Amino acid sequence: MADAKPKTKTTYVRASAEIAQRVKDEAAARDLGERFIVDRALEDFLGRLTPVDEFRLTRPREDGGES
């Protein structure tokens, strides 16, 4: 069997005009597709996110209690 293409899902992301233009410019400068640039950027970003169980929006309470 021939190599199967990875399955994709169409997802829309709203970006500022500046970000959209930057993606377009960077893709053109590298002779790559815009989707390729966006996919790689998202993979990198998601790979660096702090795990949910390590993420806090507040400082620990001074009395040591649960927040």
C-alpha atoms as a PDB file:
ATOM      1  CA  MET A   1       0.000   0.000   0.000  1.00  0.00           C
ATOM      2  CA  ALA A   2       1.272   3.479  -0.817  1.00  0.00           C
ATOM      3  CA  ASP A   3       2.114   5.858   1.998  1.00  0.00           C
ATOM      4  CA  ALA A   4      -1.139   7.211   3.313  1.00  0.00           C
ATOM      5  CA  LYS A   5      -1.412  10.937   3.864  1.00  0.00           C
ATOM      6  CA  PRO A   6      -1.904  11.940   7.490  1.00  0.00           C
ATOM      7  CA  LYS A   7      -5.532  12.613   8.287  1.00  0.00           C
ATOM      8  CA  THR A   8      -6.327  16.256   8.676  1.00  0.00           C
ATOM      9  CA  LYS A   9      -9.233  18.223  10.085  1.00  0.00           C
ATOM     10  CA  THR A  10     -10.212  21.639   8.907  1.00  0.00           C
ATOM     11  CA  THR A  11      -9.911  24.068  11.795  1.00  0.00           C
ATOM     12  CA  TYR A  12     -10.364  27.788  11.558  1.00  0.00           C
ATOM     13  CA  VAL A  13      -8.244  30.102  13.662  1.00  0.00           C
ATOM     14  CA  ARG A  14      -8.961  33.796  13.818  1.00  0.00           C
ATOM     15  CA  ALA A  15      -5.722  35.765  13.653  1.00  0.00           C
ATOM     16  CA  SER A  16      -4.976  39.452  13.511  1.00  0.00           C
ATOM     17  CA  ALA A  17      -4.226  40.906  10.102  1.00  0.00           C
ATOM     18  CA  GLU A  18      -0.600  41.355  11.195  1.00  0.00           C
ATOM     19  CA  ILE A  19      -0.163  37.696  12.166  1.00  0.00           C
ATOM     20  CA  ALA A  20      -1.877  36.502   8.975  1.00  0.00           C
ATOM     21  CA  GLN A  21       0.412  38.674   6.859  1.00  0.00           C
ATOM     22  CA  ARG A  22       3.483  37.507   8.754  1.00  0.00           C
ATOM     23  CA  VAL A  23       2.541  33.851   8.184  1.00  0.00           C
ATOM     24  CA  LYS A  24       2.012  34.579   4.495  1.00  0.00           C
ATOM     25  CA  ASP A  25       5.340  36.428   4.202  1.00  0.00           C
ATOM     26  CA  GLU A  26       7.341  33.803   6.119  1.00  0.00           C
ATOM     27  CA  ALA A  27       5.810  30.970   4.097  1.00  0.00           C
ATOM     28  CA  ALA A  28       6.578  32.729   0.808  1.00  0.00           C
ATOM     29  CA  ALA A  29      10.156  33.526   1.877  1.00  0.00           C
ATOM     30  CA  ARG A  30      10.756  29.853   2.585  1.00  0.00           C
ATOM     31  CA  ASP A  31       8.747  28.494  -0.357  1.00  0.00           C
ATOM     32  CA  LEU A  32       6.466  26.671   2.071  1.00  0.00           C
ATOM     33  CA  GLY A  33       2.720  26.548   2.497  1.00  0.00           C
ATOM     34  CA  GLU A  34       1.010  28.725   5.043  1.00  0.00           C
ATOM     35  CA  ARG A  35      -0.645  25.647   6.561  1.00  0.00           C
ATOM     36  CA  PHE A  36       2.796  24.083   7.053  1.00  0.00           C
ATOM     37  CA  ILE A  37       4.003  27.182   8.937  1.00  0.00           C
ATOM     38  CA  VAL A  38       0.855  27.306  11.101  1.00  0.00           C
ATOM     39  CA  ASP A  39       0.957  23.546  11.825  1.00  0.00           C
ATOM     40  CA  ARG A  40       4.590  23.716  12.946  1.00  0.00           C
ATOM     41  CA  ALA A  41       3.999  26.825  15.050  1.00  0.00           C
ATOM     42  CA  LEU A  42       1.024  25.218  16.801  1.00  0.00           C
ATOM     43  CA  GLU A  43       2.924  21.969  17.395  1.00  0.00           C
ATOM     44  CA  ASP A  44       5.775  23.935  18.967  1.00  0.00           C
ATOM     45  CA  PHE A  45       3.471  26.070  21.110  1.00  0.00           C
ATOM     46  CA  LEU A  46       1.353  23.162  22.333  1.00  0.00           C
ATOM     47  CA  GLY A  47       4.466  21.165  23.144  1.00  0.00           C
ATOM     48  CA  ARG A  48       5.687  23.937  25.433  1.00  0.00           C
ATOM     49  CA  LEU A  49       2.447  24.560  27.332  1.00  0.00           C
ATOM     50  CA  THR A  50       2.588  24.062  31.069  1.00  0.00           C
ATOM     51  CA  PRO A  51       0.708  20.862  31.974  1.00  0.00           C
ATOM     52  CA  VAL A  52      -2.750  21.629  33.346  1.00  0.00           C
ATOM     53  CA  ASP A  53      -2.032  19.953  36.689  1.00  0.00           C
ATOM     54  CA  GLU A  54       1.001  22.260  37.138  1.00  0.00           C
ATOM     55  CA  PHE A  55      -0.788  25.455  36.106  1.00  0.00           C
ATOM     56  CA  ARG A  56      -2.028  27.971  38.687  1.00  0.00           C
ATOM     57  CA  LEU A  57      -3.756  31.286  38.220  1.00  0.00           C
ATOM     58  CA  THR A  58      -3.211  32.347  41.821  1.00  0.00           C
ATOM     59  CA  ARG A  59      -0.454  32.183  44.413  1.00  0.00           C
ATOM     60  CA  PRO A  60      -0.777  29.584  47.170  1.00  0.00           C
ATOM     61  CA  ARG A  61      -2.719  30.807  50.177  1.00  0.00           C
ATOM     62  CA  GLU A  62      -0.537  32.163  52.956  1.00  0.00           C
ATOM     63  CA  ASP A  63      -2.375  30.029  55.541  1.00  0.00           C
ATOM     64  CA  GLY A  64      -1.492  26.887  53.576  1.00  0.00           C
ATOM     65  CA  GLY A  65      -5.128  26.038  52.926  1.00  0.00           C
ATOM     66  CA  GLU A  66      -6.599  24.859  49.658  1.00  0.00           C
ATOM     67  CA  SER A  67      -7.195  27.571  47.104  1.00  0.00           C
END
